[in-house]
Amino acid sequence: MFILDVTCGGGTLVMDEMIPSLVSTAIDLIKIVVPILLVVFGMLDLGKAVMAQKEDEIKKGQQTFVKRLIAAVIVFLVVFVVEIAIGLVAPRDSNENVWGCFNCLVNNECDPA
């Protein structure tokens, strides 16, 4: 297997092509798996609570679902929050190096070395 190097940020950072590929794949998996797990665990929690037919259990199941929903939204939006933070620190037009590396790692759109 032949390993290629890729660059980002106008050639300021050279790395193995597997690193941005793995990072972008992990981010894509998080974007898919987190909502699916939220739905599955939410159905289990609320279904268990409804089957118990106790008002306390139903409220506890709803609270658990809301907590998981908040955690899922936080995890799901991490990339968006990081993009905003980078935008505040380094605007797109003034520093292409930071945006080039961010785009390379998140979207796997790197420059060949």
C-alpha atoms as a PDB file:
ATOM      1  CA  MET A   1       0.000   0.000   0.000  1.00  0.00           C
ATOM      2  CA  PHE A   2       1.410   3.343  -1.062  1.00  0.00           C
ATOM      3  CA  ILE A   3       0.887   6.157   1.444  1.00  0.00           C
ATOM      4  CA  LEU A   4       0.454   9.671   0.098  1.00  0.00           C
ATOM      5  CA  ASP A   5       0.959  12.925   1.908  1.00  0.00           C
ATOM      6  CA  VAL A   6      -1.513  15.783   1.723  1.00  0.00           C
ATOM      7  CA  THR A   7      -1.119  19.423   2.679  1.00  0.00           C
ATOM      8  CA  CYS A   8      -3.451  21.989   4.078  1.00  0.00           C
ATOM      9  CA  GLY A   9      -3.307  25.689   4.661  1.00  0.00           C
ATOM     10  CA  GLY A  10      -1.240  26.500   1.625  1.00  0.00           C
ATOM     11  CA  GLY A  11       1.354  23.825   2.339  1.00  0.00           C
ATOM     12  CA  THR A  12       2.061  24.794   5.940  1.00  0.00           C
ATOM     13  CA  LEU A  13       1.037  21.365   7.277  1.00  0.00           C
ATOM     14  CA  VAL A  14       1.902  18.057   5.649  1.00  0.00           C
ATOM     15  CA  MET A  15       0.232  14.888   6.914  1.00  0.00           C
ATOM     16  CA  ASP A  16      -0.576  11.353   5.870  1.00  0.00           C
ATOM     17  CA  GLU A  17      -3.727  11.148   3.738  1.00  0.00           C
ATOM     18  CA  MET A  18      -5.302   8.683   6.193  1.00  0.00           C
ATOM     19  CA  ILE A  19      -5.581  11.266   8.977  1.00  0.00           C
ATOM     20  CA  PRO A  20      -8.079  13.613   7.269  1.00  0.00           C
ATOM     21  CA  SER A  21      -9.894  10.603   5.855  1.00  0.00           C
ATOM     22  CA  LEU A  22     -10.345   9.045   9.307  1.00  0.00           C
ATOM     23  CA  VAL A  23     -11.354  12.335  10.938  1.00  0.00           C
ATOM     24  CA  SER A  24     -13.944  13.179   8.281  1.00  0.00           C
ATOM     25  CA  THR A  25     -15.332   9.617   8.369  1.00  0.00           C
ATOM     26  CA  ALA A  26     -15.636   9.789  12.165  1.00  0.00           C
ATOM     27  CA  ILE A  27     -17.476  13.115  11.922  1.00  0.00           C
ATOM     28  CA  ASP A  28     -19.839  11.724   9.280  1.00  0.00           C
ATOM     29  CA  LEU A  29     -20.518   8.658  11.445  1.00  0.00           C
ATOM     30  CA  ILE A  30     -21.309  10.874  14.426  1.00  0.00           C
ATOM     31  CA  LYS A  31     -23.765  12.856  12.303  1.00  0.00           C
ATOM     32  CA  ILE A  32     -25.555   9.625  11.369  1.00  0.00           C
ATOM     33  CA  VAL A  33     -25.278   7.491  14.508  1.00  0.00           C
ATOM     34  CA  VAL A  34     -26.182  10.102  17.154  1.00  0.00           C
ATOM     35  CA  PRO A  35     -29.727  10.786  15.847  1.00  0.00           C
ATOM     36  CA  ILE A  36     -30.361   7.060  15.351  1.00  0.00           C
ATOM     37  CA  LEU A  37     -29.252   6.264  18.899  1.00  0.00           C
ATOM     38  CA  LEU A  38     -31.367   9.134  20.219  1.00  0.00           C
ATOM     39  CA  VAL A  39     -34.478   7.713  18.561  1.00  0.00           C
ATOM     40  CA  VAL A  40     -33.774   4.130  19.676  1.00  0.00           C
ATOM     41  CA  PHE A  41     -32.996   4.996  23.291  1.00  0.00           C
ATOM     42  CA  GLY A  42     -35.881   7.482  23.423  1.00  0.00           C
ATOM     43  CA  MET A  43     -38.291   4.799  22.252  1.00  0.00           C
ATOM     44  CA  LEU A  44     -36.915   2.364  24.830  1.00  0.00           C
ATOM     45  CA  ASP A  45     -37.122   4.860  27.694  1.00  0.00           C
ATOM     46  CA  LEU A  46     -40.613   6.096  26.903  1.00  0.00           C
ATOM     47  CA  GLY A  47     -41.861   2.631  25.992  1.00  0.00           C
ATOM     48  CA  LYS A  48     -40.611   1.218  29.281  1.00  0.00           C
ATOM     49  CA  ALA A  49     -42.218   4.086  31.168  1.00  0.00           C
ATOM     50  CA  VAL A  50     -45.572   3.677  29.410  1.00  0.00           C
ATOM     51  CA  MET A  51     -45.544  -0.077  29.988  1.00  0.00           C
ATOM     52  CA  ALA A  52     -45.048   0.521  33.718  1.00  0.00           C
ATOM     53  CA  GLN A  53     -48.223   2.652  33.678  1.00  0.00           C
ATOM     54  CA  LYS A  54     -47.030   4.750  36.588  1.00  0.00           C
ATOM     55  CA  GLU A  55     -47.045   8.504  36.400  1.00  0.00           C
ATOM     56  CA  ASP A  56     -43.671   8.745  38.170  1.00  0.00           C
ATOM     57  CA  GLU A  57     -42.045   6.359  35.709  1.00  0.00           C
ATOM     58  CA  ILE A  58     -43.461   8.248  32.728  1.00  0.00           C
ATOM     59  CA  LYS A  59     -42.114  11.572  34.050  1.00  0.00           C
ATOM     60  CA  LYS A  60     -38.743   9.976  34.758  1.00  0.00           C
ATOM     61  CA  GLY A  61     -38.658   8.545  31.227  1.00  0.00           C
ATOM     62  CA  GLN A  62     -39.496  11.969  29.775  1.00  0.00           C
ATOM     63  CA  GLN A  63     -36.740  13.614  31.804  1.00  0.00           C
ATOM     64  CA  THR A  64     -34.233  11.018  30.646  1.00  0.00           C
ATOM     65  CA  PHE A  65     -35.294  11.557  27.041  1.00  0.00           C
ATOM     66  CA  VAL A  66     -34.913  15.337  27.336  1.00  0.00           C
ATOM     67  CA  LYS A  67     -31.426  14.938  28.834  1.00  0.00           C
ATOM     68  CA  ARG A  68     -30.409  12.613  26.018  1.00  0.00           C
ATOM     69  CA  LEU A  69     -31.892  15.002  23.467  1.00  0.00           C
ATOM     70  CA  ILE A  70     -29.832  17.879  24.839  1.00  0.00           C
ATOM     71  CA  ALA A  71     -26.659  15.746  24.862  1.00  0.00           C
ATOM     72  CA  ALA A  72     -27.319  14.593  21.281  1.00  0.00           C
ATOM     73  CA  VAL A  73     -27.821  18.157  20.061  1.00  0.00           C
ATOM     74  CA  ILE A  74     -24.576  19.219  21.722  1.00  0.00           C
ATOM     75  CA  VAL A  75     -22.625  16.341  20.163  1.00  0.00           C
ATOM     76  CA  PHE A  76     -24.286  16.806  16.779  1.00  0.00           C
ATOM     77  CA  LEU A  77     -23.476  20.512  16.614  1.00  0.00           C
ATOM     78  CA  VAL A  78     -19.829  20.342  17.727  1.00  0.00           C
ATOM     79  CA  VAL A  79     -18.518  20.809  14.177  1.00  0.00           C
ATOM     80  CA  PHE A  80     -20.763  23.829  13.644  1.00  0.00           C
ATOM     81  CA  VAL A  81     -19.630  25.417  16.923  1.00  0.00           C
ATOM     82  CA  VAL A  82     -15.961  24.801  16.077  1.00  0.00           C
ATOM     83  CA  GLU A  83     -16.495  26.391  12.660  1.00  0.00           C
ATOM     84  CA  ILE A  84     -18.005  29.471  14.286  1.00  0.00           C
ATOM     85  CA  ALA A  85     -15.137  29.664  16.782  1.00  0.00           C
ATOM     86  CA  ILE A  86     -12.541  29.434  14.013  1.00  0.00           C
ATOM     87  CA  GLY A  87     -14.463  32.081  12.070  1.00  0.00           C
ATOM     88  CA  LEU A  88     -14.251  34.444  15.033  1.00  0.00           C
ATOM     89  CA  VAL A  89     -10.527  33.851  15.496  1.00  0.00           C
ATOM     90  CA  ALA A  90      -9.506  33.741  11.831  1.00  0.00           C
ATOM     91  CA  PRO A  91     -11.938  35.228   9.306  1.00  0.00           C
ATOM     92  CA  ARG A  92     -12.073  33.375   5.990  1.00  0.00           C
ATOM     93  CA  ASP A  93     -10.662  36.186   3.875  1.00  0.00           C
ATOM     94  CA  SER A  94      -7.715  37.039   6.117  1.00  0.00           C
ATOM     95  CA  ASN A  95      -6.195  33.640   6.913  1.00  0.00           C
ATOM     96  CA  GLU A  96      -6.710  30.791   4.471  1.00  0.00           C
ATOM     97  CA  ASN A  97      -4.299  28.557   6.404  1.00  0.00           C
ATOM     98  CA  VAL A  98      -6.692  27.843   9.245  1.00  0.00           C
ATOM     99  CA  TRP A  99      -9.694  27.348   6.955  1.00  0.00           C
ATOM    100  CA  GLY A 100      -7.705  25.142   4.610  1.00  0.00           C
ATOM    101  CA  CYS A 101      -6.710  22.816   7.438  1.00  0.00           C
ATOM    102  CA  PHE A 102     -10.226  22.829   8.892  1.00  0.00           C
ATOM    103  CA  ASN A 103     -11.698  21.969   5.499  1.00  0.00           C
ATOM    104  CA  CYS A 104      -9.066  19.273   5.018  1.00  0.00           C
ATOM    105  CA  LEU A 105      -9.827  17.559   8.316  1.00  0.00           C
ATOM    106  CA  VAL A 106     -13.606  17.948   8.390  1.00  0.00           C
ATOM    107  CA  ASN A 107     -14.496  17.553   4.706  1.00  0.00           C
ATOM    108  CA  ASN A 108     -11.407  15.623   3.512  1.00  0.00           C
ATOM    109  CA  GLU A 109     -10.755  18.278   0.850  1.00  0.00           C
ATOM    110  CA  CYS A 110      -6.977  18.483   1.008  1.00  0.00           C
ATOM    111  CA  ASP A 111      -4.323  19.604  -1.432  1.00  0.00           C
ATOM    112  CA  PRO A 112      -1.972  16.901  -2.745  1.00  0.00           C
ATOM    113  CA  ALA A 113       1.569  17.247  -1.454  1.00  0.00           C
END
